[in-house]
Amino acid sequence: MVALMAVTLLANLIYPTVRSLIELKRELKVDYQDEIGIYQLQITLAVNDITNVTSESITYRSADSNCIIRILNGKLISQPGTVDYIHGIDECSFEVIDDIVYLNFSRDRRECWPIAYYSP
């Protein structure tokens, strides 16, 4: 009976710690996926010509077509075709400050990333 109580007490002490570690791992995974998506977005914009930036979208010219980057169904995507850069976001906007395009998005917290050089 004492052993059972000891195991129960230890389980109750360990459970919150394990739960916190699982949540931290999930947050780190999401942050890592965001960083990869932003890096891919930066490369896409670096090798193509940006033609227009609005608060809702970025238009650029690739080798074979004109493409648009925007949020659709909680995903930051490039069309035509569908390249998913960041997913699970609530809102997204773009702004140009001193010839640098910034991506602003929010999920659990607000994020702001420089993603491209653009001089209209």
PDB file of N, CA and C in Angstrom:
ATOM      1  N   MET A   1       0.822  -1.194   0.000  1.00  0.00           N
ATOM      2  CA  MET A   1       0.000   0.000   0.000  1.00  0.00           C
ATOM      3  C   MET A   1       0.873   1.267   0.000  1.00  0.00           C
ATOM      4  N   VAL A   2       1.949   1.237   0.755  1.00  0.00           N
ATOM      5  CA  VAL A   2       2.852   2.382   0.827  1.00  0.00           C
ATOM      6  C   VAL A   2       3.524   2.605  -0.538  1.00  0.00           C
ATOM      7  N   ALA A   3       3.903   1.518  -1.186  1.00  0.00           N
ATOM      8  CA  ALA A   3       4.545   1.629  -2.499  1.00  0.00           C
ATOM      9  C   ALA A   3       3.580   2.248  -3.511  1.00  0.00           C
ATOM     10  N   LEU A   4       2.334   1.844  -3.467  1.00  0.00           N
ATOM     11  CA  LEU A   4       1.324   2.396  -4.378  1.00  0.00           C
ATOM     12  C   LEU A   4       1.139   3.892  -4.134  1.00  0.00           C
ATOM     13  N   MET A   5       1.123   4.306  -2.862  1.00  0.00           N
ATOM     14  CA  MET A   5       1.007   5.728  -2.535  1.00  0.00           C
ATOM     15  C   MET A   5       2.222   6.502  -3.040  1.00  0.00           C
ATOM     16  N   ALA A   6       3.388   5.923  -2.885  1.00  0.00           N
ATOM     17  CA  ALA A   6       4.609   6.592  -3.324  1.00  0.00           C
ATOM     18  C   ALA A   6       4.606   6.777  -4.840  1.00  0.00           C
ATOM     19  N   VAL A   7       4.207   5.748  -5.572  1.00  0.00           N
ATOM     20  CA  VAL A   7       4.142   5.832  -7.027  1.00  0.00           C
ATOM     21  C   VAL A   7       3.110   6.883  -7.450  1.00  0.00           C
ATOM     22  N   THR A   8       1.971   6.919  -6.809  1.00  0.00           N
ATOM     23  CA  THR A   8       0.927   7.893  -7.121  1.00  0.00           C
ATOM     24  C   THR A   8       1.415   9.314  -6.841  1.00  0.00           C
ATOM     25  N   LEU A   9       2.091   9.506  -5.726  1.00  0.00           N
ATOM     26  CA  LEU A   9       2.621  10.821  -5.374  1.00  0.00           C
ATOM     27  C   LEU A   9       3.664  11.274  -6.400  1.00  0.00           C
ATOM     28  N   LEU A  10       4.566  10.390  -6.773  1.00  0.00           N
ATOM     29  CA  LEU A  10       5.576  10.733  -7.773  1.00  0.00           C
ATOM     30  C   LEU A  10       4.947  11.040  -9.128  1.00  0.00           C
ATOM     31  N   ALA A  11       3.950  10.274  -9.511  1.00  0.00           N
ATOM     32  CA  ALA A  11       3.268  10.514 -10.789  1.00  0.00           C
ATOM     33  C   ALA A  11       2.613  11.892 -10.788  1.00  0.00           C
ATOM     34  N   ASN A  12       1.989  12.270  -9.665  1.00  0.00           N
ATOM     35  CA  ASN A  12       1.355  13.587  -9.573  1.00  0.00           C
ATOM     36  C   ASN A  12       2.375  14.717  -9.611  1.00  0.00           C
ATOM     37  N   LEU A  13       3.573  14.473  -9.124  1.00  0.00           N
ATOM     38  CA  LEU A  13       4.616  15.490  -9.163  1.00  0.00           C
ATOM     39  C   LEU A  13       5.252  15.604 -10.551  1.00  0.00           C
ATOM     40  N   ILE A  14       5.371  14.501 -11.248  1.00  0.00           N
ATOM     41  CA  ILE A  14       6.044  14.478 -12.542  1.00  0.00           C
ATOM     42  C   ILE A  14       5.123  14.917 -13.682  1.00  0.00           C
ATOM     43  N   TYR A  15       3.843  14.657 -13.593  1.00  0.00           N
ATOM     44  CA  TYR A  15       2.909  14.939 -14.671  1.00  0.00           C
ATOM     45  C   TYR A  15       2.967  16.388 -15.180  1.00  0.00           C
ATOM     46  N   PRO A  16       2.910  17.416 -14.318  1.00  0.00           N
ATOM     47  CA  PRO A  16       2.976  18.798 -14.835  1.00  0.00           C
ATOM     48  C   PRO A  16       4.283  19.097 -15.575  1.00  0.00           C
ATOM     49  N   THR A  17       5.375  18.526 -15.099  1.00  0.00           N
ATOM     50  CA  THR A  17       6.658  18.752 -15.756  1.00  0.00           C
ATOM     51  C   THR A  17       6.674  18.127 -17.144  1.00  0.00           C
ATOM     52  N   VAL A  18       6.194  16.919 -17.265  1.00  0.00           N
ATOM     53  CA  VAL A  18       6.156  16.244 -18.558  1.00  0.00           C
ATOM     54  C   VAL A  18       5.235  16.997 -19.514  1.00  0.00           C
ATOM     55  N   ARG A  19       4.113  17.445 -19.022  1.00  0.00           N
ATOM     56  CA  ARG A  19       3.173  18.204 -19.850  1.00  0.00           C
ATOM     57  C   ARG A  19       3.813  19.504 -20.341  1.00  0.00           C
ATOM     58  N   SER A  20       4.539  20.195 -19.477  1.00  0.00           N
ATOM     59  CA  SER A  20       5.233  21.428 -19.869  1.00  0.00           C
ATOM     60  C   SER A  20       6.295  21.158 -20.925  1.00  0.00           C
ATOM     61  N   LEU A  21       7.025  20.077 -20.787  1.00  0.00           N
ATOM     62  CA  LEU A  21       8.050  19.727 -21.764  1.00  0.00           C
ATOM     63  C   LEU A  21       7.444  19.404 -23.128  1.00  0.00           C
ATOM     64  N   ILE A  22       6.321  18.728 -23.142  1.00  0.00           N
ATOM     65  CA  ILE A  22       5.642  18.404 -24.402  1.00  0.00           C
ATOM     66  C   ILE A  22       5.175  19.686 -25.088  1.00  0.00           C
ATOM     67  N   GLU A  23       4.620  20.630 -24.335  1.00  0.00           N
ATOM     68  CA  GLU A  23       4.164  21.894 -24.904  1.00  0.00           C
ATOM     69  C   GLU A  23       5.346  22.716 -25.421  1.00  0.00           C
ATOM     70  N   LEU A  24       6.446  22.735 -24.689  1.00  0.00           N
ATOM     71  CA  LEU A  24       7.641  23.453 -25.123  1.00  0.00           C
ATOM     72  C   LEU A  24       8.182  22.866 -26.422  1.00  0.00           C
ATOM     73  N   LYS A  25       8.190  21.559 -26.527  1.00  0.00           N
ATOM     74  CA  LYS A  25       8.666  20.901 -27.748  1.00  0.00           C
ATOM     75  C   LYS A  25       7.783  21.287 -28.937  1.00  0.00           C
ATOM     76  N   ARG A  26       6.478  21.338 -28.736  1.00  0.00           N
ATOM     77  CA  ARG A  26       5.562  21.732 -29.805  1.00  0.00           C
ATOM     78  C   ARG A  26       5.834  23.167 -30.245  1.00  0.00           C
ATOM     79  N   GLU A  27       6.028  24.084 -29.283  1.00  0.00           N
ATOM     80  CA  GLU A  27       6.307  25.479 -29.625  1.00  0.00           C
ATOM     81  C   GLU A  27       7.619  25.611 -30.385  1.00  0.00           C
ATOM     82  N   LEU A  28       8.645  24.877 -29.972  1.00  0.00           N
ATOM     83  CA  LEU A  28       9.929  24.932 -30.661  1.00  0.00           C
ATOM     84  C   LEU A  28       9.817  24.399 -32.087  1.00  0.00           C
ATOM     85  N   LYS A  29       9.001  23.359 -32.284  1.00  0.00           N
ATOM     86  CA  LYS A  29       8.805  22.793 -33.615  1.00  0.00           C
ATOM     87  C   LYS A  29       8.121  23.809 -34.527  1.00  0.00           C
ATOM     88  N   VAL A  30       7.103  24.499 -34.016  1.00  0.00           N
ATOM     89  CA  VAL A  30       6.395  25.507 -34.805  1.00  0.00           C
ATOM     90  C   VAL A  30       7.344  26.648 -35.150  1.00  0.00           C
ATOM     91  N   ASP A  31       8.148  27.108 -34.181  1.00  0.00           N
ATOM     92  CA  ASP A  31       9.110  28.180 -34.446  1.00  0.00           C
ATOM     93  C   ASP A  31      10.108  27.754 -35.516  1.00  0.00           C
ATOM     94  N   TYR A  32      10.587  26.532 -35.458  1.00  0.00           N
ATOM     95  CA  TYR A  32      11.546  26.031 -36.431  1.00  0.00           C
ATOM     96  C   TYR A  32      10.917  25.961 -37.823  1.00  0.00           C
ATOM     97  N   GLN A  33       9.675  25.494 -37.901  1.00  0.00           N
ATOM     98  CA  GLN A  33       8.984  25.431 -39.189  1.00  0.00           C
ATOM     99  C   GLN A  33       8.761  26.831 -39.760  1.00  0.00           C
ATOM    100  N   ASP A  34       8.458  27.810 -38.897  1.00  0.00           N
ATOM    101  CA  ASP A  34       8.302  29.193 -39.350  1.00  0.00           C
ATOM    102  C   ASP A  34       9.613  29.720 -39.923  1.00  0.00           C
ATOM    103  N   GLU A  35      10.715  29.461 -39.246  1.00  0.00           N
ATOM    104  CA  GLU A  35      12.013  29.933 -39.718  1.00  0.00           C
ATOM    105  C   GLU A  35      12.364  29.333 -41.074  1.00  0.00           C
ATOM    106  N   ILE A  36      12.075  28.067 -41.273  1.00  0.00           N
ATOM    107  CA  ILE A  36      12.334  27.421 -42.567  1.00  0.00           C
ATOM    108  C   ILE A  36      11.455  28.049 -43.653  1.00  0.00           C
ATOM    109  N   GLY A  37      10.177  28.252 -43.365  1.00  0.00           N
ATOM    110  CA  GLY A  37       9.265  28.857 -44.332  1.00  0.00           C
ATOM    111  C   GLY A  37       9.685  30.271 -44.703  1.00  0.00           C
ATOM    112  N   ILE A  38      10.122  31.049 -43.727  1.00  0.00           N
ATOM    113  CA  ILE A  38      10.561  32.410 -44.005  1.00  0.00           C
ATOM    114  C   ILE A  38      11.842  32.395 -44.825  1.00  0.00           C
ATOM    115  N   TYR A  39      12.739  31.489 -44.523  1.00  0.00           N
ATOM    116  CA  TYR A  39      13.978  31.362 -45.301  1.00  0.00           C
ATOM    117  C   TYR A  39      13.659  31.009 -46.759  1.00  0.00           C
ATOM    118  N   GLN A  40      12.736  30.072 -46.974  1.00  0.00           N
ATOM    119  CA  GLN A  40      12.338  29.708 -48.339  1.00  0.00           C
ATOM    120  C   GLN A  40      11.689  30.892 -49.049  1.00  0.00           C
ATOM    121  N   LEU A  41      10.890  31.655 -48.324  1.00  0.00           N
ATOM    122  CA  LEU A  41      10.260  32.853 -48.888  1.00  0.00           C
ATOM    123  C   LEU A  41      11.322  33.887 -49.272  1.00  0.00           C
ATOM    124  N   GLN A  42      12.307  34.078 -48.414  1.00  0.00           N
ATOM    125  CA  GLN A  42      13.384  35.023 -48.714  1.00  0.00           C
ATOM    126  C   GLN A  42      14.136  34.617 -49.978  1.00  0.00           C
ATOM    127  N   ILE A  43      14.418  33.334 -50.120  1.00  0.00           N
ATOM    128  CA  ILE A  43      15.127  32.866 -51.312  1.00  0.00           C
ATOM    129  C   ILE A  43      14.272  33.056 -52.558  1.00  0.00           C
ATOM    130  N   THR A  44      12.997  32.728 -52.471  1.00  0.00           N
ATOM    131  CA  THR A  44      12.093  32.909 -53.614  1.00  0.00           C
ATOM    132  C   THR A  44      12.101  34.359 -54.085  1.00  0.00           C
ATOM    133  N   LEU A  45      12.011  35.279 -53.145  1.00  0.00           N
ATOM    134  CA  LEU A  45      11.968  36.689 -53.513  1.00  0.00           C
ATOM    135  C   LEU A  45      13.334  37.215 -53.956  1.00  0.00           C
ATOM    136  N   ALA A  46      14.396  36.613 -53.470  1.00  0.00           N
ATOM    137  CA  ALA A  46      15.744  37.057 -53.858  1.00  0.00           C
ATOM    138  C   ALA A  46      16.077  36.687 -55.298  1.00  0.00           C
ATOM    139  N   VAL A  47      15.582  35.567 -55.772  1.00  0.00           N
ATOM    140  CA  VAL A  47      15.930  35.109 -57.124  1.00  0.00           C
ATOM    141  C   VAL A  47      14.904  35.536 -58.181  1.00  0.00           C
ATOM    142  N   ASN A  48      13.835  36.196 -57.762  1.00  0.00           N
ATOM    143  CA  ASN A  48      12.811  36.669 -58.694  1.00  0.00           C
ATOM    144  C   ASN A  48      12.643  38.178 -58.557  1.00  0.00           C
ATOM    145  N   ASP A  49      12.007  38.792 -59.538  1.00  0.00           N
ATOM    146  CA  ASP A  49      11.783  40.237 -59.538  1.00  0.00           C
ATOM    147  C   ASP A  49      10.453  40.574 -58.885  1.00  0.00           C
ATOM    148  N   ILE A  50      10.497  41.326 -57.788  1.00  0.00           N
ATOM    149  CA  ILE A  50       9.272  41.782 -57.133  1.00  0.00           C
ATOM    150  C   ILE A  50       8.697  42.924 -57.960  1.00  0.00           C
ATOM    151  N   THR A  51       7.416  42.822 -58.324  1.00  0.00           N
ATOM    152  CA  THR A  51       6.789  43.857 -59.135  1.00  0.00           C
ATOM    153  C   THR A  51       5.856  44.762 -58.334  1.00  0.00           C
ATOM    154  N   ASN A  52       5.290  44.247 -57.239  1.00  0.00           N
ATOM    155  CA  ASN A  52       4.366  45.052 -56.445  1.00  0.00           C
ATOM    156  C   ASN A  52       4.250  44.491 -55.037  1.00  0.00           C
ATOM    157  N   VAL A  53       4.139  45.400 -54.068  1.00  0.00           N
ATOM    158  CA  VAL A  53       3.914  45.009 -52.679  1.00  0.00           C
ATOM    159  C   VAL A  53       2.744  45.813 -52.143  1.00  0.00           C
ATOM    160  N   THR A  54       1.719  45.122 -51.646  1.00  0.00           N
ATOM    161  CA  THR A  54       0.604  45.761 -50.953  1.00  0.00           C
ATOM    162  C   THR A  54       0.563  45.189 -49.549  1.00  0.00           C
ATOM    163  N   SER A  55      -0.329  45.684 -48.731  1.00  0.00           N
ATOM    164  CA  SER A  55      -0.427  45.147 -47.369  1.00  0.00           C
ATOM    165  C   SER A  55      -0.927  43.707 -47.365  1.00  0.00           C
ATOM    166  N   GLU A  56      -1.641  43.288 -48.418  1.00  0.00           N
ATOM    167  CA  GLU A  56      -2.189  41.936 -48.467  1.00  0.00           C
ATOM    168  C   GLU A  56      -1.392  40.956 -49.308  1.00  0.00           C
ATOM    169  N   SER A  57      -0.511  41.436 -50.193  1.00  0.00           N
ATOM    170  CA  SER A  57       0.164  40.510 -51.103  1.00  0.00           C
ATOM    171  C   SER A  57       1.470  41.060 -51.649  1.00  0.00           C
ATOM    172  N   ILE A  58       2.259  40.142 -52.182  1.00  0.00           N
ATOM    173  CA  ILE A  58       3.472  40.481 -52.921  1.00  0.00           C
ATOM    174  C   ILE A  58       3.345  39.830 -54.289  1.00  0.00           C
ATOM    175  N   THR A  59       3.538  40.609 -55.340  1.00  0.00           N
ATOM    176  CA  THR A  59       3.519  40.074 -56.694  1.00  0.00           C
ATOM    177  C   THR A  59       4.953  40.053 -57.203  1.00  0.00           C
ATOM    178  N   TYR A  60       5.334  38.924 -57.803  1.00  0.00           N
ATOM    179  CA  TYR A  60       6.678  38.823 -58.361  1.00  0.00           C
ATOM    180  C   TYR A  60       6.636  38.072 -59.676  1.00  0.00           C
ATOM    181  N   ARG A  61       7.679  38.295 -60.475  1.00  0.00           N
ATOM    182  CA  ARG A  61       7.787  37.660 -61.783  1.00  0.00           C
ATOM    183  C   ARG A  61       8.838  36.562 -61.695  1.00  0.00           C
ATOM    184  N   SER A  62       8.417  35.322 -61.945  1.00  0.00           N
ATOM    185  CA  SER A  62       9.357  34.204 -62.010  1.00  0.00           C
ATOM    186  C   SER A  62       9.723  33.985 -63.472  1.00  0.00           C
ATOM    187  N   ALA A  63      10.493  32.973 -63.750  1.00  0.00           N
ATOM    188  CA  ALA A  63      10.953  32.716 -65.119  1.00  0.00           C
ATOM    189  C   ALA A  63       9.799  32.472 -66.087  1.00  0.00           C
ATOM    190  N   ASP A  64       8.725  31.824 -65.614  1.00  0.00           N
ATOM    191  CA  ASP A  64       7.660  31.439 -66.537  1.00  0.00           C
ATOM    192  C   ASP A  64       6.300  32.091 -66.288  1.00  0.00           C
ATOM    193  N   SER A  65       6.129  32.824 -65.176  1.00  0.00           N
ATOM    194  CA  SER A  65       4.815  33.432 -64.931  1.00  0.00           C
ATOM    195  C   SER A  65       4.890  34.510 -63.860  1.00  0.00           C
ATOM    196  N   ASN A  66       3.790  35.233 -63.721  1.00  0.00           N
ATOM    197  CA  ASN A  66       3.646  36.169 -62.610  1.00  0.00           C
ATOM    198  C   ASN A  66       3.024  35.415 -61.450  1.00  0.00           C
ATOM    199  N   CYS A  67       3.543  35.624 -60.259  1.00  0.00           N
ATOM    200  CA  CYS A  67       3.079  34.901 -59.075  1.00  0.00           C
ATOM    201  C   CYS A  67       2.675  35.899 -57.995  1.00  0.00           C
ATOM    202  N   ILE A  68       1.851  35.417 -57.070  1.00  0.00           N
ATOM    203  CA  ILE A  68       1.402  36.248 -55.971  1.00  0.00           C
ATOM    204  C   ILE A  68       1.564  35.480 -54.659  1.00  0.00           C
ATOM    205  N   ILE A  69       2.068  36.164 -53.655  1.00  0.00           N
ATOM    206  CA  ILE A  69       2.194  35.595 -52.313  1.00  0.00           C
ATOM    207  C   ILE A  69       1.151  36.276 -51.455  1.00  0.00           C
ATOM    208  N   ARG A  70       0.319  35.465 -50.787  1.00  0.00           N
ATOM    209  CA  ARG A  70      -0.745  36.015 -49.945  1.00  0.00           C
ATOM    210  C   ARG A  70      -1.194  34.967 -48.952  1.00  0.00           C
ATOM    211  N   ILE A  71      -2.059  35.364 -48.032  1.00  0.00           N
ATOM    212  CA  ILE A  71      -2.602  34.413 -47.073  1.00  0.00           C
ATOM    213  C   ILE A  71      -3.902  33.850 -47.626  1.00  0.00           C
ATOM    214  N   LEU A  72      -4.057  32.546 -47.493  1.00  0.00           N
ATOM    215  CA  LEU A  72      -5.267  31.859 -47.930  1.00  0.00           C
ATOM    216  C   LEU A  72      -5.525  30.707 -46.982  1.00  0.00           C
ATOM    217  N   ASN A  73      -6.670  30.713 -46.339  1.00  0.00           N
ATOM    218  CA  ASN A  73      -7.057  29.656 -45.397  1.00  0.00           C
ATOM    219  C   ASN A  73      -6.002  29.409 -44.319  1.00  0.00           C
ATOM    220  N   GLY A  74      -5.458  30.489 -43.767  1.00  0.00           N
ATOM    221  CA  GLY A  74      -4.492  30.371 -42.685  1.00  0.00           C
ATOM    222  C   GLY A  74      -3.099  29.953 -43.111  1.00  0.00           C
ATOM    223  N   LYS A  75      -2.835  30.007 -44.425  1.00  0.00           N
ATOM    224  CA  LYS A  75      -1.519  29.637 -44.951  1.00  0.00           C
ATOM    225  C   LYS A  75      -0.971  30.775 -45.786  1.00  0.00           C
ATOM    226  N   LEU A  76       0.326  31.026 -45.652  1.00  0.00           N
ATOM    227  CA  LEU A  76       1.002  31.974 -46.529  1.00  0.00           C
ATOM    228  C   LEU A  76       1.493  31.184 -47.720  1.00  0.00           C
ATOM    229  N   ILE A  77       0.923  31.465 -48.899  1.00  0.00           N
ATOM    230  CA  ILE A  77       1.200  30.648 -50.077  1.00  0.00           C
ATOM    231  C   ILE A  77       1.618  31.516 -51.263  1.00  0.00           C
ATOM    232  N   SER A  78       2.225  30.858 -52.244  1.00  0.00           N
ATOM    233  CA  SER A  78       2.557  31.479 -53.520  1.00  0.00           C
ATOM    234  C   SER A  78       1.749  30.768 -54.595  1.00  0.00           C
ATOM    235  N   GLN A  79       1.104  31.536 -55.456  1.00  0.00           N
ATOM    236  CA  GLN A  79       0.315  30.980 -56.544  1.00  0.00           C
ATOM    237  C   GLN A  79       0.719  31.646 -57.843  1.00  0.00           C
ATOM    238  N   PRO A  80       0.609  31.063 -59.027  1.00  0.00           N
ATOM    239  CA  PRO A  80      -0.018  29.775 -59.326  1.00  0.00           C
ATOM    240  C   PRO A  80       0.830  28.611 -58.805  1.00  0.00           C
ATOM    241  N   GLY A  81       0.196  27.486 -58.822  1.00  0.00           N
ATOM    242  CA  GLY A  81       0.765  26.371 -58.076  1.00  0.00           C
ATOM    243  C   GLY A  81       0.490  26.688 -56.624  1.00  0.00           C
ATOM    244  N   THR A  82       0.978  25.926 -55.742  1.00  0.00           N
ATOM    245  CA  THR A  82       0.798  26.259 -54.337  1.00  0.00           C
ATOM    246  C   THR A  82       2.056  25.880 -53.578  1.00  0.00           C
ATOM    247  N   VAL A  83       2.781  26.900 -53.167  1.00  0.00           N
ATOM    248  CA  VAL A  83       3.921  26.708 -52.290  1.00  0.00           C
ATOM    249  C   VAL A  83       3.496  27.236 -50.934  1.00  0.00           C
ATOM    250  N   ASP A  84       3.476  26.384 -49.934  1.00  0.00           N
ATOM    251  CA  ASP A  84       3.049  26.729 -48.579  1.00  0.00           C
ATOM    252  C   ASP A  84       4.288  27.111 -47.768  1.00  0.00           C
ATOM    253  N   TYR A  85       4.413  28.402 -47.434  1.00  0.00           N
ATOM    254  CA  TYR A  85       5.567  28.853 -46.662  1.00  0.00           C
ATOM    255  C   TYR A  85       5.340  28.739 -45.161  1.00  0.00           C
ATOM    256  N   ILE A  86       4.214  29.268 -44.694  1.00  0.00           N
ATOM    257  CA  ILE A  86       3.888  29.245 -43.265  1.00  0.00           C
ATOM    258  C   ILE A  86       2.427  28.837 -43.144  1.00  0.00           C
ATOM    259  N   HIS A  87       2.116  27.980 -42.203  1.00  0.00           N
ATOM    260  CA  HIS A  87       0.721  27.567 -42.042  1.00  0.00           C
ATOM    261  C   HIS A  87       0.262  27.776 -40.602  1.00  0.00           C
ATOM    262  N   GLY A  88      -1.046  27.819 -40.436  1.00  0.00           N
ATOM    263  CA  GLY A  88      -1.644  27.982 -39.118  1.00  0.00           C
ATOM    264  C   GLY A  88      -1.557  29.397 -38.572  1.00  0.00           C
ATOM    265  N   ILE A  89      -1.573  30.397 -39.453  1.00  0.00           N
ATOM    266  CA  ILE A  89      -1.486  31.774 -38.983  1.00  0.00           C
ATOM    267  C   ILE A  89      -2.859  32.433 -39.022  1.00  0.00           C
ATOM    268  N   ASP A  90      -3.060  33.374 -38.123  1.00  0.00           N
ATOM    269  CA  ASP A  90      -4.351  34.047 -38.019  1.00  0.00           C
ATOM    270  C   ASP A  90      -4.477  35.205 -39.004  1.00  0.00           C
ATOM    271  N   GLU A  91      -3.422  35.993 -39.110  1.00  0.00           N
ATOM    272  CA  GLU A  91      -3.445  37.138 -40.017  1.00  0.00           C
ATOM    273  C   GLU A  91      -2.037  37.402 -40.514  1.00  0.00           C
ATOM    274  N   CYS A  92      -1.952  38.129 -41.611  1.00  0.00           N
ATOM    275  CA  CYS A  92      -0.663  38.379 -42.250  1.00  0.00           C
ATOM    276  C   CYS A  92      -0.737  39.699 -43.007  1.00  0.00           C
ATOM    277  N   SER A  93       0.353  40.452 -42.972  1.00  0.00           N
ATOM    278  CA  SER A  93       0.421  41.677 -43.766  1.00  0.00           C
ATOM    279  C   SER A  93       1.873  41.926 -44.174  1.00  0.00           C
ATOM    280  N   PHE A  94       2.037  42.744 -45.194  1.00  0.00           N
ATOM    281  CA  PHE A  94       3.349  43.115 -45.693  1.00  0.00           C
ATOM    282  C   PHE A  94       3.472  44.627 -45.629  1.00  0.00           C
ATOM    283  N   GLU A  95       4.666  45.107 -45.374  1.00  0.00           N
ATOM    284  CA  GLU A  95       4.911  46.543 -45.414  1.00  0.00           C
ATOM    285  C   GLU A  95       6.342  46.794 -45.881  1.00  0.00           C
ATOM    286  N   VAL A  96       6.521  47.918 -46.544  1.00  0.00           N
ATOM    287  CA  VAL A  96       7.835  48.314 -47.037  1.00  0.00           C
ATOM    288  C   VAL A  96       8.303  49.496 -46.197  1.00  0.00           C
ATOM    289  N   ILE A  97       9.464  49.319 -45.567  1.00  0.00           N
ATOM    290  CA  ILE A  97      10.075  50.384 -44.777  1.00  0.00           C
ATOM    291  C   ILE A  97      11.527  50.498 -45.222  1.00  0.00           C
ATOM    292  N   ASP A  98      11.896  51.674 -45.719  1.00  0.00           N
ATOM    293  CA  ASP A  98      13.268  51.919 -46.186  1.00  0.00           C
ATOM    294  C   ASP A  98      13.740  50.852 -47.172  1.00  0.00           C
ATOM    295  N   ASP A  99      12.911  50.544 -48.160  1.00  0.00           N
ATOM    296  CA  ASP A  99      13.203  49.580 -49.229  1.00  0.00           C
ATOM    297  C   ASP A  99      13.346  48.130 -48.754  1.00  0.00           C
ATOM    298  N   ILE A 100      12.906  47.828 -47.556  1.00  0.00           N
ATOM    299  CA  ILE A 100      12.902  46.449 -47.050  1.00  0.00           C
ATOM    300  C   ILE A 100      11.452  46.021 -46.867  1.00  0.00           C
ATOM    301  N   VAL A 101      11.109  44.841 -47.408  1.00  0.00           N
ATOM    302  CA  VAL A 101       9.761  44.293 -47.246  1.00  0.00           C
ATOM    303  C   VAL A 101       9.743  43.482 -45.957  1.00  0.00           C
ATOM    304  N   TYR A 102       8.767  43.780 -45.100  1.00  0.00           N
ATOM    305  CA  TYR A 102       8.607  43.068 -43.837  1.00  0.00           C
ATOM    306  C   TYR A 102       7.333  42.235 -43.881  1.00  0.00           C
ATOM    307  N   LEU A 103       7.425  41.033 -43.341  1.00  0.00           N
ATOM    308  CA  LEU A 103       6.275  40.151 -43.182  1.00  0.00           C
ATOM    309  C   LEU A 103       5.843  40.235 -41.725  1.00  0.00           C
ATOM    310  N   ASN A 104       4.588  40.600 -41.503  1.00  0.00           N
ATOM    311  CA  ASN A 104       4.003  40.634 -40.160  1.00  0.00           C
ATOM    312  C   ASN A 104       2.930  39.559 -40.104  1.00  0.00           C
ATOM    313  N   PHE A 105       3.036  38.672 -39.138  1.00  0.00           N
ATOM    314  CA  PHE A 105       1.987  37.664 -38.993  1.00  0.00           C
ATOM    315  C   PHE A 105       1.787  37.334 -37.529  1.00  0.00           C
ATOM    316  N   SER A 106       0.654  36.728 -37.233  1.00  0.00           N
ATOM    317  CA  SER A 106       0.392  36.338 -35.851  1.00  0.00           C
ATOM    318  C   SER A 106      -0.213  34.944 -35.801  1.00  0.00           C
ATOM    319  N   ARG A 107       0.167  34.260 -34.792  1.00  0.00           N
ATOM    320  CA  ARG A 107      -0.393  32.955 -34.447  1.00  0.00           C
ATOM    321  C   ARG A 107      -0.686  33.045 -32.954  1.00  0.00           C
ATOM    322  N   ASP A 108       0.248  32.667 -32.128  1.00  0.00           N
ATOM    323  CA  ASP A 108       0.096  32.840 -30.685  1.00  0.00           C
ATOM    324  C   ASP A 108       0.629  34.199 -30.253  1.00  0.00           C
ATOM    325  N   ARG A 109       1.563  34.721 -31.036  1.00  0.00           N
ATOM    326  CA  ARG A 109       2.144  36.030 -30.764  1.00  0.00           C
ATOM    327  C   ARG A 109       2.441  36.706 -32.099  1.00  0.00           C
ATOM    328  N   ARG A 110       2.712  37.975 -32.044  1.00  0.00           N
ATOM    329  CA  ARG A 110       2.997  38.762 -33.254  1.00  0.00           C
ATOM    330  C   ARG A 110       4.453  38.578 -33.662  1.00  0.00           C
ATOM    331  N   GLU A 111       4.678  38.352 -34.955  1.00  0.00           N
ATOM    332  CA  GLU A 111       6.026  38.179 -35.509  1.00  0.00           C
ATOM    333  C   GLU A 111       6.239  39.204 -36.615  1.00  0.00           C
ATOM    334  N   CYS A 112       7.461  39.688 -36.758  1.00  0.00           N
ATOM    335  CA  CYS A 112       7.817  40.611 -37.831  1.00  0.00           C
ATOM    336  C   CYS A 112       9.184  40.207 -38.356  1.00  0.00           C
ATOM    337  N   TRP A 113       9.258  39.914 -39.662  1.00  0.00           N
ATOM    338  CA  TRP A 113      10.497  39.441 -40.277  1.00  0.00           C
ATOM    339  C   TRP A 113      10.811  40.243 -41.535  1.00  0.00           C
ATOM    340  N   PRO A 114      12.056  40.673 -41.707  1.00  0.00           N
ATOM    341  CA  PRO A 114      12.445  41.250 -43.000  1.00  0.00           C
ATOM    342  C   PRO A 114      12.596  40.110 -44.005  1.00  0.00           C
ATOM    343  N   ILE A 115      12.002  40.269 -45.185  1.00  0.00           N
ATOM    344  CA  ILE A 115      12.039  39.153 -46.129  1.00  0.00           C
ATOM    345  C   ILE A 115      12.638  39.480 -47.492  1.00  0.00           C
ATOM    346  N   ALA A 116      12.712  40.763 -47.865  1.00  0.00           N
ATOM    347  CA  ALA A 116      13.226  41.076 -49.192  1.00  0.00           C
ATOM    348  C   ALA A 116      13.601  42.538 -49.310  1.00  0.00           C
ATOM    349  N   TYR A 117      14.428  42.821 -50.281  1.00  0.00           N
ATOM    350  CA  TYR A 117      14.747  44.190 -50.659  1.00  0.00           C
ATOM    351  C   TYR A 117      13.850  44.556 -51.835  1.00  0.00           C
ATOM    352  N   TYR A 118      13.225  45.717 -51.773  1.00  0.00           N
ATOM    353  CA  TYR A 118      12.327  46.137 -52.856  1.00  0.00           C
ATOM    354  C   TYR A 118      12.402  47.654 -52.993  1.00  0.00           C
ATOM    355  N   SER A 119      12.734  48.077 -54.165  1.00  0.00           N
ATOM    356  CA  SER A 119      12.772  49.499 -54.461  1.00  0.00           C
ATOM    357  C   SER A 119      11.839  49.750 -55.655  1.00  0.00           C
ATOM    358  N   PRO A 120      10.657  50.316 -55.391  1.00  0.00           N
ATOM    359  CA  PRO A 120       9.682  50.519 -56.470  1.00  0.00           C
ATOM    360  C   PRO A 120      10.153  51.475 -57.540  1.00  0.00           C
TER     361      PRO A 120
END
